[in-house]
Protein backbone atom coordinates (compact mmCIF):
# COMPACT_ATOMS: atom_id res chain seq x y z
CA MET A 1 0.00 0.00 0.00
CA ALA A 2 1.06 3.59 -0.35
CA SER A 3 3.34 5.44 1.99
CA LEU A 4 4.11 9.12 2.48
CA SER A 5 6.41 8.91 -0.53
CA LEU A 6 3.38 8.68 -2.82
CA LYS A 7 2.07 12.02 -1.59
CA GLN A 8 5.50 13.57 -1.98
CA THR A 9 5.96 12.11 -5.44
CA LEU A 10 2.54 13.20 -6.64
CA ALA A 11 3.23 16.68 -5.33
CA ALA A 12 6.35 16.75 -7.47
CA SER A 13 4.37 15.57 -10.45
CA ALA A 14 2.10 18.59 -10.75
CA LEU A 15 1.44 19.62 -14.29
CA ALA A 16 -0.36 21.95 -16.43
CA PHE A 17 -3.59 22.18 -18.20
CA THR A 18 -5.41 24.35 -15.74
CA LEU A 19 -9.07 24.98 -16.06
CA ALA A 20 -10.07 28.48 -15.33
CA LEU A 21 -12.82 30.97 -14.93
CA ALA A 22 -11.95 33.12 -17.91
CA GLY A 23 -14.00 36.18 -18.80
CA GLY A 24 -17.53 35.31 -19.74
CA ILE A 25 -18.30 32.67 -17.10
CA ALA A 26 -21.44 33.67 -15.29
CA ASN A 27 -21.52 33.91 -11.52
CA GLY A 28 -22.77 30.58 -10.25
CA ALA A 29 -23.21 27.41 -12.29
CA GLU A 30 -25.78 26.63 -14.93
CA LYS A 31 -26.86 23.18 -15.99
CA LEU A 32 -24.73 21.71 -18.74
CA GLY A 33 -26.72 21.88 -21.95
CA SER A 34 -26.98 19.91 -25.18
CA TYR A 35 -25.69 21.03 -28.57
CA PRO A 36 -25.68 19.74 -32.17
CA VAL A 37 -22.58 17.58 -31.82
CA ASP A 38 -21.53 15.20 -34.59
CA ALA A 39 -21.19 11.82 -32.86
CA LYS A 40 -18.26 11.00 -35.15
CA LYS A 41 -16.25 14.03 -34.00
CA VAL A 42 -15.75 13.47 -30.27
CA SER A 43 -12.15 13.56 -29.02
CA ILE A 44 -10.17 13.91 -25.79
CA SER A 45 -6.78 15.17 -24.61
CA GLY A 46 -4.94 15.67 -21.35
CA ILE A 47 -1.63 16.39 -19.69
CA SER A 48 0.20 14.16 -17.18
CA SER A 49 -2.49 12.67 -14.91
CA GLY A 50 -4.92 14.09 -17.47
CA ALA A 51 -2.95 12.31 -20.20
CA PHE A 52 -3.25 9.00 -18.37
CA MET A 53 -6.98 9.64 -17.96
CA ALA A 54 -7.38 10.64 -21.63
CA ASN A 55 -5.58 7.45 -22.63
CA GLN A 56 -7.70 5.17 -20.44
CA PHE A 57 -10.94 6.94 -21.44
CA HIS A 58 -10.06 6.55 -25.13
CA ILE A 59 -9.30 2.85 -24.82
CA ALA A 60 -12.31 2.19 -22.57
CA HIS A 61 -14.69 4.11 -24.87
CA SER A 62 -13.05 3.64 -28.26
CA ALA A 63 -16.44 3.30 -29.96
CA LEU A 64 -17.20 6.89 -28.91
CA ILE A 65 -13.80 8.62 -29.15
CA MET A 66 -12.29 9.19 -32.61
CA GLY A 67 -9.08 10.90 -31.51
CA ALA A 68 -6.94 11.39 -28.42
CA GLY A 69 -3.99 13.57 -27.41
CA MET A 70 -1.66 12.70 -24.54
CA VAL A 71 0.91 15.23 -23.28
CA ALA A 72 3.66 14.09 -20.89
CA GLY A 73 1.92 10.90 -19.83
CA GLY A 74 -0.42 8.11 -20.77
CA LEU A 75 0.07 4.34 -20.74
CA TYR A 76 -3.06 2.29 -20.30
CA ALA A 77 -3.51 0.61 -16.89
CA CYS A 78 0.16 1.20 -16.13
CA ALA A 79 -0.40 0.87 -12.37
CA VAL A 80 -2.43 -2.35 -12.69
CA ASP A 81 -0.65 -5.52 -11.58
CA GLY A 82 -3.37 -8.03 -12.42
CA ILE A 83 -6.97 -9.13 -11.88
CA ASP A 84 -8.31 -10.36 -8.56
CA GLY A 85 -11.26 -12.70 -8.95
CA ASP A 86 -14.01 -11.88 -11.42
CA HIS A 87 -14.34 -8.16 -10.85
CA HIS A 88 -11.45 -6.37 -9.14
CA LEU A 89 -8.15 -5.05 -10.43
CA ARG A 90 -4.97 -5.30 -8.40
CA VAL A 91 -3.31 -1.86 -8.33
CA LEU A 92 0.15 -1.03 -6.95
CA ASP A 93 1.30 2.44 -5.93
CA THR A 94 4.87 1.33 -6.48
CA LEU A 95 4.06 0.90 -10.17
CA ALA A 96 2.49 4.36 -10.37
CA THR A 97 5.35 6.24 -8.77
CA GLY A 98 8.06 3.95 -10.12
CA PRO A 99 7.91 2.54 -13.67
CA CYS A 100 4.96 4.66 -14.80
CA MET A 101 6.70 7.91 -13.90
CA SER A 102 10.38 7.72 -13.13
CA TRP A 103 11.85 4.21 -13.50
CA PRO A 104 11.57 3.13 -17.14
CA GLY A 105 13.55 -0.03 -16.46
CA GLY A 106 10.52 -1.33 -14.57
CA LEU A 107 8.07 -0.93 -17.45
CA GLN A 108 6.63 -4.11 -18.91
CA ARG A 109 7.02 -5.01 -22.58
CA PHE A 110 4.20 -3.55 -24.66
CA GLU A 111 2.87 -7.10 -25.21
CA VAL A 112 1.97 -7.26 -21.49
CA TYR A 113 -0.16 -4.11 -21.71
CA GLN A 114 -1.61 -5.30 -25.02
CA ALA A 115 -2.73 -8.59 -23.46
CA ARG A 116 -4.31 -6.68 -20.58
CA VAL A 117 -6.34 -4.49 -22.93
CA LYS A 118 -7.53 -7.51 -24.88
CA GLU A 119 -8.53 -9.32 -21.69
CA PHE A 120 -10.48 -6.31 -20.43
CA ALA A 121 -12.26 -6.14 -23.80
CA ARG A 122 -12.99 -9.89 -23.73
CA ARG A 123 -14.67 -9.45 -20.36
CA GLY A 124 -16.73 -6.54 -21.69
CA TRP A 125 -15.11 -4.06 -19.30
CA ILE A 126 -14.04 -1.80 -22.19
CA ASP A 127 -15.11 -1.43 -25.81
CA PRO A 128 -13.84 -3.99 -28.36
CA VAL A 129 -10.26 -3.38 -29.47
CA LYS A 130 -11.40 -3.24 -33.11
CA ASP A 131 -13.11 0.08 -32.37
CA LEU A 132 -9.68 1.72 -32.10
CA LYS A 133 -9.07 1.22 -35.82
CA GLY A 134 -9.03 4.52 -37.68
CA ASP A 135 -8.66 6.67 -34.55
CA ARG A 136 -6.14 9.52 -34.56
CA VAL A 137 -3.61 9.59 -31.71
CA TYR A 138 -1.19 12.36 -30.69
CA LEU A 139 1.57 11.77 -28.12
CA PHE A 140 4.08 14.25 -26.69
CA THR A 141 7.07 13.95 -24.40
CA GLY A 142 9.73 16.55 -23.60
CA ARG A 143 13.45 15.93 -23.36
CA ALA A 144 13.62 17.96 -20.13
CA ASP A 145 10.63 16.29 -18.45
CA GLN A 146 11.68 15.43 -14.89
CA VAL A 147 8.34 13.96 -13.79
CA VAL A 148 7.18 11.38 -16.37
CA ASN A 149 10.03 9.68 -18.19
CA PRO A 150 9.79 9.77 -22.01
CA ALA A 151 9.99 5.96 -22.04
CA THR A 152 6.43 5.80 -20.66
CA VAL A 153 5.11 7.80 -23.61
CA HIS A 154 7.11 5.74 -26.08
CA ARG A 155 5.67 2.56 -24.54
CA ALA A 156 2.20 4.05 -25.00
CA GLU A 157 3.06 4.55 -28.68
CA GLN A 158 4.04 0.89 -29.01
CA LEU A 159 0.83 -0.17 -27.28
CA TYR A 160 -1.38 1.89 -29.56
CA LEU A 161 0.32 0.54 -32.68
CA SER A 162 -0.06 -3.02 -31.39
CA LEU A 163 -3.79 -2.43 -30.87
CA GLY A 164 -4.39 -1.46 -34.48
CA ILE A 165 -3.71 2.29 -34.68
CA ALA A 166 -2.13 2.87 -38.10
CA ASN A 167 1.30 4.49 -38.36
CA GLN A 168 -0.12 7.39 -40.34
CA ASP A 169 -2.78 7.98 -37.68
CA LEU A 170 -0.30 8.22 -34.79
CA LYS A 171 1.85 11.31 -34.27
CA LEU A 172 4.63 11.27 -31.68
CA VAL A 173 6.26 14.63 -30.96
CA ASP A 174 9.28 13.23 -29.19
CA VAL A 175 12.32 14.30 -27.22
CA ASP A 176 14.27 15.50 -30.25
CA ARG A 177 11.75 17.81 -31.89
CA LEU A 178 12.12 21.02 -29.85
CA PRO A 179 15.22 23.26 -29.73
CA GLY A 180 17.65 23.62 -26.87
CA LYS A 181 17.12 21.38 -23.87
CA GLY A 182 13.60 20.45 -24.96
CA ALA A 183 10.33 20.83 -23.08
CA GLY A 184 9.82 20.21 -19.41
CA HIS A 185 6.77 18.61 -17.82
CA SER A 186 4.28 21.04 -19.28
CA TRP A 187 1.68 22.00 -21.81
CA VAL A 188 3.65 23.70 -24.59
CA THR A 189 2.75 27.00 -26.24
CA VAL A 190 4.20 29.40 -28.78
CA ASP A 191 5.07 32.23 -26.42
CA TYR A 192 3.21 31.96 -23.11
CA GLY A 193 4.58 30.47 -19.91
CA GLY A 194 7.94 29.70 -18.40
CA PRO A 195 11.18 28.63 -20.09
CA CYS A 196 10.76 25.69 -22.44
CA ASP A 197 12.64 23.29 -20.17
CA ALA A 198 10.90 24.37 -16.93
CA ASN A 199 9.28 21.78 -14.63
CA THR A 200 7.45 24.15 -12.33
CA ASP A 201 4.33 26.30 -11.97
CA PRO A 202 2.29 27.00 -14.00
CA TYR A 203 3.48 23.97 -16.01
CA ILE A 204 2.91 25.87 -19.22
CA ASP A 205 6.14 26.34 -21.18
CA ALA A 206 6.86 28.68 -24.08
CA CYS A 207 8.64 26.59 -26.71
CA GLY A 208 7.67 28.24 -29.99
CA TYR A 209 5.22 25.39 -30.58
CA ASP A 210 1.42 25.57 -30.82
CA GLN A 211 0.55 22.30 -29.12
CA ALA A 212 -3.19 23.00 -28.98
CA GLY A 213 -3.33 23.53 -32.73
CA ASP A 214 -1.18 20.50 -33.47
CA ILE A 215 -3.38 18.23 -31.34
CA LEU A 216 -6.64 19.43 -32.86
CA GLN A 217 -5.36 19.40 -36.45
CA HIS A 218 -3.91 15.93 -36.08
CA ILE A 219 -7.26 14.69 -34.77
CA TYR A 220 -9.62 16.63 -37.06
CA GLY A 221 -7.47 17.43 -40.08
CA LYS A 222 -6.62 20.86 -41.45
CA LEU A 223 -8.54 23.59 -39.61
CA LYS A 224 -9.23 27.26 -40.18
CA PRO A 225 -6.74 29.62 -38.48
CA ARG A 226 -7.37 30.18 -34.79
CA SER A 227 -9.50 33.14 -33.74
CA ALA A 228 -7.75 36.30 -32.59
CA ARG A 229 -10.77 37.14 -30.43
CA LEU A 230 -13.18 34.65 -28.88
CA SER A 231 -16.81 34.98 -29.92
CA GLY A 232 -18.34 32.31 -27.70
CA ARG A 233 -18.96 31.91 -24.00
CA PHE A 234 -17.68 29.94 -21.03
CA ILE A 235 -20.08 27.88 -18.95
CA ALA A 236 -19.65 26.81 -15.33
CA PHE A 237 -21.80 23.76 -14.58
CA PRO A 238 -22.44 21.42 -11.60
CA GLN A 239 -20.66 18.09 -11.98
CA ALA A 240 -22.55 16.17 -9.28
CA GLU A 241 -25.40 15.03 -11.53
CA PHE A 242 -22.90 13.14 -13.71
CA VAL A 243 -21.14 11.31 -10.86
CA PRO A 244 -22.43 7.99 -9.51
CA GLY A 245 -24.24 8.75 -6.27
CA SER A 246 -23.56 12.47 -6.87
CA LYS A 247 -20.44 12.02 -4.71
CA THR A 248 -18.03 14.44 -6.33
CA VAL A 249 -15.52 15.14 -3.57
CA GLU A 250 -15.14 11.56 -2.33
CA ASN A 251 -14.34 10.51 -5.88
CA GLY A 252 -11.80 13.22 -6.62
CA LEU A 253 -14.12 15.44 -8.65
CA ALA A 254 -14.81 19.13 -8.11
CA ASP A 255 -18.34 20.40 -7.71
CA THR A 256 -18.01 22.63 -10.80
CA GLY A 257 -16.82 21.87 -14.33
CA TYR A 258 -16.42 24.21 -17.31
CA ALA A 259 -17.03 24.32 -21.02
CA TYR A 260 -16.32 26.71 -23.89
CA VAL A 261 -19.06 26.98 -26.50
CA PRO A 262 -18.33 28.87 -29.76
CA LYS A 263 -21.09 31.24 -30.81
CA THR A 264 -21.66 29.23 -34.00
CA CYS A 265 -22.46 26.12 -31.92
CA GLU A 266 -25.26 27.79 -29.99
CA PRO A 267 -28.84 27.19 -31.20
CA GLY A 268 -29.29 29.33 -34.28
CA GLY A 269 -25.57 30.01 -34.42
CA GLY A 270 -25.23 28.90 -38.01
CA ARG A 271 -23.67 25.43 -37.74
CA THR A 272 -25.64 22.27 -38.39
CA THR A 273 -23.21 20.25 -36.27
CA CYS A 274 -20.13 20.90 -34.13
CA ALA A 275 -17.30 18.75 -32.82
CA LEU A 276 -16.62 18.09 -29.12
CA HIS A 277 -13.20 17.97 -27.49
CA VAL A 278 -12.68 17.02 -23.82
CA ALA A 279 -9.59 18.57 -22.19
CA LEU A 280 -8.20 17.22 -18.90
CA HIS A 281 -5.85 19.17 -16.62
CA GLY A 282 -3.09 17.60 -14.55
CA CYS A 283 -2.25 17.39 -10.84
CA ARG A 284 -2.60 20.60 -8.82
CA GLN A 285 -3.94 22.39 -11.89
CA SER A 286 -7.70 22.49 -11.37
CA ALA A 287 -9.55 25.80 -11.54
CA GLU A 288 -10.06 25.73 -7.78
CA LEU A 289 -6.28 25.81 -7.33
CA LEU A 290 -4.90 27.81 -10.25
CA GLY A 291 -7.72 30.01 -11.49
CA ASP A 292 -7.75 30.90 -15.17
CA GLU A 293 -4.11 30.45 -16.13
CA PHE A 294 -4.35 27.27 -18.17
CA TYR A 295 -7.89 27.70 -19.44
CA HIS A 296 -7.07 31.13 -20.76
CA HIS A 297 -3.56 30.62 -22.15
CA ILE A 298 -3.05 27.14 -23.67
CA GLY A 299 -4.80 27.88 -26.95
CA LEU A 300 -7.53 25.27 -27.36
CA ASN A 301 -10.37 27.79 -27.22
CA GLU A 302 -8.99 29.94 -30.03
CA TRP A 303 -8.83 26.97 -32.42
CA ALA A 304 -12.21 25.71 -31.21
CA ASP A 305 -13.85 29.10 -31.71
CA SER A 306 -13.03 29.36 -35.42
CA ASN A 307 -13.75 25.71 -36.18
CA GLY A 308 -16.97 24.91 -34.36
CA ILE A 309 -15.48 22.75 -31.59
CA ILE A 310 -17.04 22.74 -28.14
CA VAL A 311 -14.40 22.23 -25.44
CA LEU A 312 -15.44 20.44 -22.25
CA TYR A 313 -13.20 20.94 -19.20
CA PRO A 314 -14.11 18.47 -16.42
CA GLN A 315 -12.48 19.21 -13.07
CA ALA A 316 -10.67 16.99 -10.61
CA HIS A 317 -10.46 17.80 -6.90
CA SER A 318 -7.90 17.21 -4.14
CA VAL A 319 -9.15 14.41 -1.89
CA SER A 320 -8.12 14.16 1.76
CA SER A 321 -9.01 11.58 4.40
CA GLY A 322 -11.63 14.00 5.77
CA ASP A 323 -13.58 13.71 2.51
CA PHE A 324 -14.49 10.09 3.24
CA THR A 325 -17.64 9.77 5.32
CA ASN A 326 -18.14 6.00 5.27
CA LYS A 327 -14.61 4.65 5.56
CA GLN A 328 -11.72 5.20 7.92
CA VAL A 329 -8.87 6.18 5.62
CA THR A 330 -5.45 5.31 6.95
CA ASP A 331 -3.62 4.75 3.66
CA LEU A 332 -2.44 7.64 1.50
CA PHE A 333 -2.89 5.54 -1.61
CA GLU A 334 -6.64 5.86 -1.18
CA ILE A 335 -6.59 9.67 -1.29
CA ASN A 336 -5.57 12.26 -3.85
CA PRO A 337 -3.82 15.21 -2.15
CA GLU A 338 -2.74 16.91 -5.37
CA GLY A 339 -5.99 16.94 -7.35
CA CYS A 340 -4.81 14.40 -9.94
CA TRP A 341 -7.10 12.44 -12.22
CA ASN A 342 -7.51 8.86 -11.10
CA TRP A 343 -4.94 6.80 -12.97
CA PHE A 344 -3.68 4.85 -9.94
CA GLY A 345 -6.80 3.65 -8.11
CA TYR A 346 -7.44 6.17 -5.38
CA SER A 347 -10.80 6.66 -3.58
CA TYR A 348 -11.23 2.88 -3.39
CA ASP A 349 -11.97 2.70 -7.13
CA ASP A 350 -9.86 -0.18 -8.40
CA ARG A 351 -11.84 -0.21 -11.67
CA TYR A 352 -10.74 3.32 -12.54
CA PRO A 353 -9.46 2.52 -16.12
CA LEU A 354 -12.65 0.70 -17.13
CA LYS A 355 -16.00 1.87 -18.47
CA ASP A 356 -17.54 1.66 -15.00
CA GLY A 357 -14.73 3.55 -13.27
CA VAL A 358 -16.27 6.47 -11.38
CA GLN A 359 -14.38 9.29 -13.12
CA VAL A 360 -14.62 7.60 -16.53
CA THR A 361 -18.37 7.27 -15.97
CA ALA A 362 -18.70 10.93 -14.96
CA ILE A 363 -16.85 12.18 -18.05
CA TYR A 364 -18.89 9.85 -20.27
CA ASN A 365 -22.12 11.20 -18.79
CA MET A 366 -20.98 14.77 -19.43
CA ILE A 367 -20.23 13.93 -23.06
CA GLN A 368 -23.63 12.31 -23.47
CA ARG A 369 -25.31 15.43 -22.12
CA VAL A 370 -23.45 17.76 -24.49
CA MET A 371 -24.37 15.44 -27.38
CA GLY A 372 -28.01 15.46 -26.35
CA GLU A 373 -27.98 11.75 -25.55
CA SER A 374 -28.79 12.09 -21.85
């Protein structure tokens, strides 16, 4: 089980992709609405813990997701050590903080992760592997990343290829692509943020590279130039209705999530259909901790605005032992002190990478609402 070192390690692993209350969000939350979303144009991305979550959501719901972007993280069920009985997964914190993040020598061969995905699919815990065919995948790792070793991202590349993603559909922006020392553990921008090789707050690094545009154009194809001025609006919405039992805090989810809706995607806005992109922040980077820094400065909204893409920003929450009302928590592995997405089995959810994982379920329900399916 976890020790204090997990808390310390996760604190060191904070990363970007902050969700914020940029101008235009109304005071208070409004119910998340439905829009004319093309069911064939739903995608997801994330950074660090958000990258791991984006990866596991994509593989769990491959029939729904047509493209995924993972920045500085992502390797499906990396912290899973096996299956216990007919229902439970065996999860090890030593895998999460060791091989998955900082000890590449401990990673399994990609065939081990491939077999795990196929077994989960055989049991009906995730969508059939064949549904991954034709999906577009973007992966990024920085040469100066001191939190998640590039080997983890490269192993994720091998896994995706082994599961049927075509070479031409997978783009890896690797350790040799950026100048100088390369990027740190961060979301990368053209000119906003810290030095390119920084591994510190706000975990947004200026590297002369438009990562938001590269992700979206790899997933959706050539897009119109990004908007110089946003025309749409930001929405703050309650997340509880999408969470099993409405238990947000216990399950590492904030009470409020956010979305950006281009004006053209509103009823009567001029578009018959829009696309939907889900963006997931990393540890210590939720709106409740960092305000509007990531949401306002990483560039997704500008591309979305000019191309009819709704951006959904679900929010994680820092979980402490005091958040648990029904269990006596004595193990740090069961809590989430840094507000990370659940990629290592905290909050007693050992099925976190599967379709019935609590956070996966919550995000799926949000997507269904935006699509008008729920």
